[in-house]
Amino acid sequence: MKKFIYVAVIGFLSISCGGGDDPVPTPKNEAPTVPTLVAPANNKLCVDNLVSFQWNVSTDSNNDPITYQTQIAKDNQFLQIVKTLEGPANSQNISLEKGVAYYWRVKATDNENLSSDYSSIYNFYTQGEAVVNHLPFSPELVQPVLNAVLNTATATLKWNASDVDVNDTLVFDVYFGTDNPPISKVSENLVTNTLDVPLAASKEYYWKVVVKDDKGGETIGQTWKFKTN
C-alpha cells in the first residue's frame, strides 16, 4: 500500500512541473484608430495661407507610439499631392498657395509600421489676392458607388457639391456613356444633384459632373464608373 501511494505522488509532481513550461501568448498588434479631422473645417475659407491643421489623437490598444501622416492635395483623389508631412503631434502649420482649393486627410501609424485607414477627406480654400469669386469644390460621388454592379434598367446618378461662396447658385452638366472619359453631355445646367439615366445589360458606364457657379466659375469632376449585368 505504501509503495502504491509513493508512485502516485511522484506522477502527480511530474505532471505539475511539466505544466509550468507553457509559453505566455504574445498580444496581437492592433492598428491605431482612425484620426478625426478638426481644423480647417470642411468647406472652410482660410483667409491666411499659413494654415493650421488639427485632428483628434488616435488611440492604440497596445500603447504603441503613434506617428501621423498628413497629406494635402489639389484634388480629392490625391493624385496632385502638394504636401506630405509626418510627426508625432496631432497638428501641423503649413504654408500653401493663395487662391487654391485643397483637400486633406490624415492616417496614424504605430512603431511596428501598422497603419490605420485614412481619415475622411476635408476640403478648404485659401483666400487669394483681391479674389471676387472662388471656384466650386470638385463634386463628390454618392451613387452608384465606384465600380458598382447594377441589375436595373435605370440608375439614379447622385453627387454632392459645395462652394465657399455660400450665396453662389450651383448648376451641373452631366456627362454619361460607355466612352472613357464620357463625351456625351446628357444634361446641362441641372439645378438638382441627381439624374436618372437608362441602362443596357452587360455594359460598363462612365460619368462625370461639371459644377458651375453663377459667376462663371466651373470645376470638372473626376470620372466614375459602374457596370451592369
Foldseek 3Di string as FASTA:
>chain_A
DVVVVVVVVVVVVVVVVVVVPDDDDDDDFDAWEEKAWDPPAAAAEAAAQFGKTAIDDTDTPVRFQKKKWKWKAQAPVSPGTDDIDMDRDRMDTDGDDAQGKMKMWMWMAGPVGHIYDIYDIGIYHYHDDPDPAHAKHAKAFDPPPFAAEDADQKGKGFIDIGGSVNPWQKFKWKFKDQDVAGDDTPDDRHRHRIDMDGDDAFGKMKMWMWMATPVGHIDTHDIGIYHYD
